[in-house]
PDB file of all heavy atoms in Angstrom:
ATOM      1  N   THR A   1      67.797 -90.025 -12.139  1.00  0.00           N
ATOM      2  CA  THR A   1      66.946 -90.856 -11.317  1.00  0.00           C
ATOM      3  C   THR A   1      66.351 -89.986 -10.168  1.00  0.00           C
ATOM      4  O   THR A   1      67.078 -89.422  -9.432  1.00  0.00           O
ATOM      5  CB  THR A   1      67.730 -92.026 -10.705  1.00  0.00           C
ATOM      6  OG1 THR A   1      68.322 -92.734 -11.765  1.00  0.00           O
ATOM      7  CG2 THR A   1      66.795 -92.958  -9.912  1.00  0.00           C
ATOM      8  N   VAL A   2      65.013 -89.955 -10.132  1.00  0.00           N
ATOM      9  CA  VAL A   2      64.350 -89.253  -9.034  1.00  0.00           C
ATOM     10  C   VAL A   2      63.326 -90.204  -8.401  1.00  0.00           C
ATOM     11  O   VAL A   2      62.890 -91.134  -9.062  1.00  0.00           O
ATOM     12  CB  VAL A   2      63.638 -87.973  -9.552  1.00  0.00           C
ATOM     13  CG1 VAL A   2      64.653 -86.881  -9.777  1.00  0.00           C
ATOM     14  CG2 VAL A   2      62.771 -88.204 -10.746  1.00  0.00           C
ATOM     15  N   PRO A   3      63.006 -90.000  -7.122  1.00  0.00           N
ATOM     16  CA  PRO A   3      63.463 -88.945  -6.303  1.00  0.00           C
ATOM     17  C   PRO A   3      64.912 -89.132  -5.857  1.00  0.00           C
ATOM     18  O   PRO A   3      65.305 -90.213  -5.535  1.00  0.00           O
ATOM     19  CB  PRO A   3      62.527 -89.006  -5.079  1.00  0.00           C
ATOM     20  CG  PRO A   3      62.093 -90.422  -4.996  1.00  0.00           C
ATOM     21  CD  PRO A   3      62.017 -90.862  -6.432  1.00  0.00           C
ATOM     22  N   THR A   4      65.650 -88.031  -5.889  1.00  0.00           N
ATOM     23  CA  THR A   4      66.942 -88.007  -5.241  1.00  0.00           C
ATOM     24  C   THR A   4      66.931 -86.967  -4.136  1.00  0.00           C
ATOM     25  O   THR A   4      66.229 -85.909  -4.332  1.00  0.00           O
ATOM     26  CB  THR A   4      68.049 -87.671  -6.317  1.00  0.00           C
ATOM     27  OG1 THR A   4      68.262 -88.817  -7.132  1.00  0.00           O
ATOM     28  CG2 THR A   4      69.395 -87.344  -5.631  1.00  0.00           C
ATOM     29  N   VAL A   5      67.508 -87.238  -3.047  1.00  0.00           N
ATOM     30  CA  VAL A   5      67.448 -86.371  -1.843  1.00  0.00           C
ATOM     31  C   VAL A   5      68.877 -85.990  -1.455  1.00  0.00           C
ATOM     32  O   VAL A   5      69.756 -86.840  -1.481  1.00  0.00           O
ATOM     33  CB  VAL A   5      66.689 -87.128  -0.702  1.00  0.00           C
ATOM     34  CG1 VAL A   5      66.830 -86.418   0.563  1.00  0.00           C
ATOM     35  CG2 VAL A   5      65.254 -87.377  -1.120  1.00  0.00           C
ATOM     36  N   GLY A   6      68.992 -84.739  -1.090  1.00  0.00           N
ATOM     37  CA  GLY A   6      70.300 -84.234  -0.616  1.00  0.00           C
ATOM     38  C   GLY A   6      70.140 -83.708   0.820  1.00  0.00           C
ATOM     39  O   GLY A   6      69.200 -82.929   1.042  1.00  0.00           O
ATOM     40  N   ILE A   7      70.959 -84.155   1.732  1.00  0.00           N
ATOM     41  CA  ILE A   7      70.942 -83.638   3.110  1.00  0.00           C
ATOM     42  C   ILE A   7      72.347 -83.166   3.427  1.00  0.00           C
ATOM     43  O   ILE A   7      73.216 -83.992   3.583  1.00  0.00           O
ATOM     44  CB  ILE A   7      70.420 -84.661   4.126  1.00  0.00           C
ATOM     45  CG1 ILE A   7      69.028 -85.200   3.700  1.00  0.00           C
ATOM     46  CG2 ILE A   7      70.387 -84.106   5.550  1.00  0.00           C
ATOM     47  CD1 ILE A   7      68.694 -86.479   4.320  1.00  0.00           C
ATOM     48  N   ALA A   8      72.566 -81.858   3.497  1.00  0.00           N
ATOM     49  CA  ALA A   8      73.889 -81.323   3.785  1.00  0.00           C
ATOM     50  C   ALA A   8      74.955 -81.888   2.883  1.00  0.00           C
ATOM     51  O   ALA A   8      76.028 -82.179   3.315  1.00  0.00           O
ATOM     52  CB  ALA A   8      74.201 -81.496   5.270  1.00  0.00           C
ATOM     53  N   GLY A   9      74.564 -82.132   1.632  1.00  0.00           N
ATOM     54  CA  GLY A   9      75.532 -82.598   0.643  1.00  0.00           C
ATOM     55  C   GLY A   9      75.590 -84.133   0.537  1.00  0.00           C
ATOM     56  O   GLY A   9      76.252 -84.697  -0.254  1.00  0.00           O
ATOM     57  N   HIS A  10      74.871 -84.891   1.432  1.00  0.00           N
ATOM     58  CA  HIS A  10      74.813 -86.321   1.376  1.00  0.00           C
ATOM     59  C   HIS A  10      73.693 -86.665   0.432  1.00  0.00           C
ATOM     60  O   HIS A  10      72.555 -86.340   0.686  1.00  0.00           O
ATOM     61  CB  HIS A  10      74.604 -86.972   2.748  1.00  0.00           C
ATOM     62  CG  HIS A  10      75.683 -86.712   3.750  1.00  0.00           C
ATOM     63  ND1 HIS A  10      76.819 -87.462   3.792  1.00  0.00           N
ATOM     64  CD2 HIS A  10      75.897 -85.674   4.602  1.00  0.00           C
ATOM     65  CE1 HIS A  10      77.684 -86.955   4.693  1.00  0.00           C
ATOM     66  NE2 HIS A  10      77.141 -85.889   5.230  1.00  0.00           N
ATOM     67  N   MET A  11      74.000 -87.311  -0.684  1.00  0.00           N
ATOM     68  CA  MET A  11      72.999 -87.549  -1.693  1.00  0.00           C
ATOM     69  C   MET A  11      72.476 -89.018  -1.570  1.00  0.00           C
ATOM     70  O   MET A  11      73.252 -89.954  -1.462  1.00  0.00           O
ATOM     71  CB  MET A  11      73.550 -87.310  -3.088  1.00  0.00           C
ATOM     72  CG  MET A  11      74.159 -85.974  -3.295  1.00  0.00           C
ATOM     73  SD  MET A  11      72.980 -84.599  -3.001  1.00  0.00           S
ATOM     74  CE  MET A  11      71.851 -84.887  -4.401  1.00  0.00           C
ATOM     75  N   LEU A  12      71.134 -89.138  -1.653  1.00  0.00           N
ATOM     76  CA  LEU A  12      70.483 -90.399  -1.565  1.00  0.00           C
ATOM     77  C   LEU A  12      69.601 -90.565  -2.779  1.00  0.00           C
ATOM     78  O   LEU A  12      68.746 -89.705  -2.998  1.00  0.00           O
ATOM     79  CB  LEU A  12      69.584 -90.516  -0.324  1.00  0.00           C
ATOM     80  CG  LEU A  12      70.266 -90.075   1.012  1.00  0.00           C
ATOM     81  CD1 LEU A  12      69.190 -89.986   2.105  1.00  0.00           C
ATOM     82  CD2 LEU A  12      71.313 -91.104   1.426  1.00  0.00           C
ATOM     83  N   VAL A  13      69.869 -91.596  -3.628  1.00  0.00           N
ATOM     84  CA  VAL A  13      69.039 -91.807  -4.806  1.00  0.00           C
ATOM     85  C   VAL A  13      67.896 -92.798  -4.523  1.00  0.00           C
ATOM     86  O   VAL A  13      68.120 -93.898  -4.057  1.00  0.00           O
ATOM     87  CB  VAL A  13      69.937 -92.348  -5.912  1.00  0.00           C
ATOM     88  CG1 VAL A  13      69.116 -92.571  -7.210  1.00  0.00           C
ATOM     89  CG2 VAL A  13      71.089 -91.365  -6.186  1.00  0.00           C
ATOM     90  N   ASN A  14      66.658 -92.273  -4.718  1.00  0.00           N
ATOM     91  CA  ASN A  14      65.475 -93.051  -4.466  1.00  0.00           C
ATOM     92  C   ASN A  14      65.484 -93.754  -3.053  1.00  0.00           C
ATOM     93  O   ASN A  14      65.282 -94.997  -3.008  1.00  0.00           O
ATOM     94  CB  ASN A  14      65.222 -94.087  -5.599  1.00  0.00           C
ATOM     95  CG  ASN A  14      63.841 -94.618  -5.621  1.00  0.00           C
ATOM     96  OD1 ASN A  14      62.903 -94.172  -4.828  1.00  0.00           O
ATOM     97  ND2 ASN A  14      63.586 -95.598  -6.411  1.00  0.00           N
ATOM     98  N   PRO A  15      65.695 -92.971  -2.077  1.00  0.00           N
ATOM     99  CA  PRO A  15      65.820 -93.640  -0.693  1.00  0.00           C
ATOM    100  C   PRO A  15      64.479 -93.917  -0.081  1.00  0.00           C
ATOM    101  O   PRO A  15      63.496 -93.251  -0.375  1.00  0.00           O
ATOM    102  CB  PRO A  15      66.516 -92.543   0.121  1.00  0.00           C
ATOM    103  CG  PRO A  15      65.952 -91.266  -0.471  1.00  0.00           C
ATOM    104  CD  PRO A  15      65.814 -91.511  -1.957  1.00  0.00           C
ATOM    105  N   PRO A  16      64.430 -94.938   0.828  1.00  0.00           N
ATOM    106  CA  PRO A  16      63.199 -95.101   1.645  1.00  0.00           C
ATOM    107  C   PRO A  16      63.158 -93.970   2.646  1.00  0.00           C
ATOM    108  O   PRO A  16      64.226 -93.443   3.018  1.00  0.00           O
ATOM    109  CB  PRO A  16      63.426 -96.437   2.347  1.00  0.00           C
ATOM    110  CG  PRO A  16      64.925 -96.677   2.290  1.00  0.00           C
ATOM    111  CD  PRO A  16      65.422 -95.927   1.091  1.00  0.00           C
ATOM    112  N   VAL A  17      61.994 -93.574   3.082  1.00  0.00           N
ATOM    113  CA  VAL A  17      61.858 -92.415   3.975  1.00  0.00           C
ATOM    114  C   VAL A  17      62.636 -92.659   5.264  1.00  0.00           C
ATOM    115  O   VAL A  17      63.143 -91.682   5.847  1.00  0.00           O
ATOM    116  CB  VAL A  17      60.397 -91.995   4.186  1.00  0.00           C
ATOM    117  CG1 VAL A  17      59.660 -93.075   5.138  1.00  0.00           C
ATOM    118  CG2 VAL A  17      60.309 -90.630   4.810  1.00  0.00           C
ATOM    119  N   ARG A  18      62.684 -93.917   5.767  1.00  0.00           N
ATOM    120  CA  ARG A  18      63.431 -94.078   7.015  1.00  0.00           C
ATOM    121  C   ARG A  18      64.920 -93.776   6.896  1.00  0.00           C
ATOM    122  O   ARG A  18      65.543 -93.293   7.815  1.00  0.00           O
ATOM    123  CB  ARG A  18      63.237 -95.484   7.574  1.00  0.00           C
ATOM    124  CG  ARG A  18      63.845 -96.578   6.687  1.00  0.00           C
ATOM    125  CD  ARG A  18      63.713 -97.987   7.313  1.00  0.00           C
ATOM    126  NE  ARG A  18      64.342 -98.929   6.483  1.00  0.00           N
ATOM    127  CZ  ARG A  18      63.768 -99.402   5.381  1.00  0.00           C
ATOM    128  NH1 ARG A  18      62.539 -99.038   4.998  1.00  0.00           N
ATOM    129  NH2 ARG A  18      64.412-100.261   4.565  1.00  0.00           N
ATOM    130  N   LEU A  19      65.521 -93.933   5.713  1.00  0.00           N
ATOM    131  CA  LEU A  19      66.887 -93.568   5.461  1.00  0.00           C
ATOM    132  C   LEU A  19      67.030 -92.069   5.458  1.00  0.00           C
ATOM    133  O   LEU A  19      67.990 -91.503   6.037  1.00  0.00           O
ATOM    134  CB  LEU A  19      67.428 -94.172   4.202  1.00  0.00           C
ATOM    135  CG  LEU A  19      68.919 -93.896   3.840  1.00  0.00           C
ATOM    136  CD1 LEU A  19      69.816 -94.464   4.894  1.00  0.00           C
ATOM    137  CD2 LEU A  19      69.258 -94.404   2.444  1.00  0.00           C
ATOM    138  N   VAL A  20      66.053 -91.416   4.841  1.00  0.00           N
ATOM    139  CA  VAL A  20      66.098 -89.895   4.892  1.00  0.00           C
ATOM    140  C   VAL A  20      66.056 -89.400   6.318  1.00  0.00           C
ATOM    141  O   VAL A  20      66.841 -88.543   6.706  1.00  0.00           O
ATOM    142  CB  VAL A  20      64.881 -89.323   4.138  1.00  0.00           C
ATOM    143  CG1 VAL A  20      64.840 -87.772   4.194  1.00  0.00           C
ATOM    144  CG2 VAL A  20      64.907 -89.766   2.634  1.00  0.00           C
ATOM    145  N   GLU A  21      65.162 -89.980   7.139  1.00  0.00           N
ATOM    146  CA  GLU A  21      65.057 -89.594   8.537  1.00  0.00           C
ATOM    147  C   GLU A  21      66.346 -89.837   9.270  1.00  0.00           C
ATOM    148  O   GLU A  21      66.824 -89.052  10.148  1.00  0.00           O
ATOM    149  CB  GLU A  21      63.977 -90.336   9.237  1.00  0.00           C
ATOM    150  CG  GLU A  21      62.587 -89.913   8.848  1.00  0.00           C
ATOM    151  CD  GLU A  21      61.505 -90.616   9.613  1.00  0.00           C
ATOM    152  OE1 GLU A  21      61.415 -91.856   9.508  1.00  0.00           O
ATOM    153  OE2 GLU A  21      60.779 -89.949  10.372  1.00  0.00           O
ATOM    154  N   GLU A  22      66.979 -91.021   8.987  1.00  0.00           N
ATOM    155  CA  GLU A  22      68.206 -91.439   9.677  1.00  0.00           C
ATOM    156  C   GLU A  22      69.359 -90.434   9.376  1.00  0.00           C
ATOM    157  O   GLU A  22      70.064 -90.015  10.257  1.00  0.00           O
ATOM    158  CB  GLU A  22      68.544 -92.833   9.173  1.00  0.00           C
ATOM    159  CG  GLU A  22      69.575 -93.572   9.984  1.00  0.00           C
ATOM    160  CD  GLU A  22      69.828 -95.001   9.395  1.00  0.00           C
ATOM    161  OE1 GLU A  22      68.856 -95.723   9.266  1.00  0.00           O
ATOM    162  OE2 GLU A  22      70.940 -95.268   9.035  1.00  0.00           O
ATOM    163  N   ILE A  23      69.527 -90.140   8.091  1.00  0.00           N
ATOM    164  CA  ILE A  23      70.602 -89.263   7.650  1.00  0.00           C
ATOM    165  C   ILE A  23      70.359 -87.803   8.212  1.00  0.00           C
ATOM    166  O   ILE A  23      71.249 -87.165   8.734  1.00  0.00           O
ATOM    167  CB  ILE A  23      70.773 -89.175   6.126  1.00  0.00           C
ATOM    168  CG1 ILE A  23      71.095 -90.624   5.593  1.00  0.00           C
ATOM    169  CG2 ILE A  23      71.836 -88.177   5.688  1.00  0.00           C
ATOM    170  CD1 ILE A  23      72.409 -91.233   6.052  1.00  0.00           C
ATOM    171  N   LEU A  24      69.109 -87.406   8.130  1.00  0.00           N
ATOM    172  CA  LEU A  24      68.723 -86.086   8.661  1.00  0.00           C
ATOM    173  C   LEU A  24      69.095 -86.001  10.155  1.00  0.00           C
ATOM    174  O   LEU A  24      69.703 -85.004  10.653  1.00  0.00           O
ATOM    175  CB  LEU A  24      67.255 -85.901   8.475  1.00  0.00           C
ATOM    176  CG  LEU A  24      66.697 -84.481   8.618  1.00  0.00           C
ATOM    177  CD1 LEU A  24      67.374 -83.455   7.669  1.00  0.00           C
ATOM    178  CD2 LEU A  24      65.212 -84.451   8.392  1.00  0.00           C
ATOM    179  N   ALA A  25      68.730 -87.051  10.985  1.00  0.00           N
ATOM    180  CA  ALA A  25      69.027 -87.028  12.356  1.00  0.00           C
ATOM    181  C   ALA A  25      70.516 -87.025  12.618  1.00  0.00           C
ATOM    182  O   ALA A  25      71.019 -86.354  13.492  1.00  0.00           O
ATOM    183  CB  ALA A  25      68.418 -88.290  12.985  1.00  0.00           C
ATOM    184  N   LYS A  26      71.303 -87.799  11.849  1.00  0.00           N
ATOM    185  CA  LYS A  26      72.764 -87.866  12.038  1.00  0.00           C
ATOM    186  C   LYS A  26      73.433 -86.551  11.716  1.00  0.00           C
ATOM    187  O   LYS A  26      74.359 -86.119  12.367  1.00  0.00           O
ATOM    188  CB  LYS A  26      73.348 -88.964  11.161  1.00  0.00           C
ATOM    189  CG  LYS A  26      73.051 -90.387  11.778  1.00  0.00           C
ATOM    190  CD  LYS A  26      73.715 -91.445  10.930  1.00  0.00           C
ATOM    191  CE  LYS A  26      73.494 -92.821  11.639  1.00  0.00           C
ATOM    192  NZ  LYS A  26      73.972 -93.950  10.813  1.00  0.00           N
ATOM    193  N   VAL A  27      72.945 -85.885  10.617  1.00  0.00           N
ATOM    194  CA  VAL A  27      73.480 -84.547  10.274  1.00  0.00           C
ATOM    195  C   VAL A  27      73.125 -83.531  11.342  1.00  0.00           C
ATOM    196  O   VAL A  27      73.915 -82.761  11.808  1.00  0.00           O
ATOM    197  CB  VAL A  27      73.007 -84.103   8.884  1.00  0.00           C
ATOM    198  CG1 VAL A  27      73.400 -82.664   8.610  1.00  0.00           C
ATOM    199  CG2 VAL A  27      73.569 -84.989   7.782  1.00  0.00           C
ATOM    200  N   ALA A  28      71.871 -83.625  11.827  1.00  0.00           N
ATOM    201  CA  ALA A  28      71.401 -82.657  12.865  1.00  0.00           C
ATOM    202  C   ALA A  28      72.125 -82.814  14.192  1.00  0.00           C
ATOM    203  O   ALA A  28      72.468 -81.827  14.799  1.00  0.00           O
ATOM    204  CB  ALA A  28      69.865 -82.789  13.046  1.00  0.00           C
ATOM    205  N   SER A  29      72.497 -84.066  14.505  1.00  0.00           N
ATOM    206  CA  SER A  29      73.162 -84.315  15.766  1.00  0.00           C
ATOM    207  C   SER A  29      74.685 -84.032  15.655  1.00  0.00           C
ATOM    208  O   SER A  29      75.435 -84.040  16.659  1.00  0.00           O
ATOM    209  CB  SER A  29      72.922 -85.695  16.197  1.00  0.00           C
ATOM    210  OG  SER A  29      73.659 -86.595  15.364  1.00  0.00           O
ATOM    211  N   GLY A  30      75.154 -83.846  14.398  1.00  0.00           N
ATOM    212  CA  GLY A  30      76.573 -83.665  14.213  1.00  0.00           C
ATOM    213  C   GLY A  30      77.371 -84.954  14.048  1.00  0.00           C
ATOM    214  O   GLY A  30      78.580 -84.983  13.878  1.00  0.00           O
ATOM    215  N   GLU A  31      76.668 -86.113  14.139  1.00  0.00           N
ATOM    216  CA  GLU A  31      77.307 -87.426  13.941  1.00  0.00           C
ATOM    217  C   GLU A  31      77.863 -87.559  12.485  1.00  0.00           C
ATOM    218  O   GLU A  31      78.851 -88.152  12.267  1.00  0.00           O
ATOM    219  CB  GLU A  31      76.261 -88.488  14.188  1.00  0.00           C
ATOM    220  CG  GLU A  31      76.903 -89.933  14.206  1.00  0.00           C
ATOM    221  CD  GLU A  31      75.773 -90.935  14.411  1.00  0.00           C
ATOM    222  OE1 GLU A  31      74.761 -90.672  15.099  1.00  0.00           O
ATOM    223  OE2 GLU A  31      76.026 -92.076  13.933  1.00  0.00           O
ATOM    224  N   LEU A  32      77.159 -86.905  11.593  1.00  0.00           N
ATOM    225  CA  LEU A  32      77.567 -86.926  10.189  1.00  0.00           C
ATOM    226  C   LEU A  32      77.834 -85.479   9.743  1.00  0.00           C
ATOM    227  O   LEU A  32      77.031 -84.626   9.833  1.00  0.00           O
ATOM    228  CB  LEU A  32      76.412 -87.468   9.332  1.00  0.00           C
ATOM    229  CG  LEU A  32      76.682 -88.175   8.071  1.00  0.00           C
ATOM    230  CD1 LEU A  32      77.637 -89.286   8.147  1.00  0.00           C
ATOM    231  CD2 LEU A  32      75.310 -88.731   7.517  1.00  0.00           C
ATOM    232  N   ALA A  33      79.098 -85.238   9.332  1.00  0.00           N
ATOM    233  CA  ALA A  33      79.475 -83.910   8.938  1.00  0.00           C
ATOM    234  C   ALA A  33      78.920 -83.558   7.572  1.00  0.00           C
ATOM    235  O   ALA A  33      78.796 -84.409   6.742  1.00  0.00           O
ATOM    236  CB  ALA A  33      81.004 -83.764   8.933  1.00  0.00           C
ATOM    237  N   PRO A  34      78.547 -82.283   7.341  1.00  0.00           N
ATOM    238  CA  PRO A  34      78.102 -81.893   6.058  1.00  0.00           C
ATOM    239  C   PRO A  34      79.131 -82.115   4.980  1.00  0.00           C
ATOM    240  O   PRO A  34      80.338 -81.964   5.266  1.00  0.00           O
ATOM    241  CB  PRO A  34      77.792 -80.398   6.185  1.00  0.00           C
ATOM    242  CG  PRO A  34      77.611 -80.166   7.651  1.00  0.00           C
ATOM    243  CD  PRO A  34      78.484 -81.237   8.358  1.00  0.00           C
TER     244      PRO A  34
END
């Protein structure tokens, strides 16, 4: 299933862009560990 997105090992299958932004921000801030 694509698009699938991975952010520091967190995998999102066919995510809305706002979820991509949210996870990206959480990983960048350290709130979400890789």
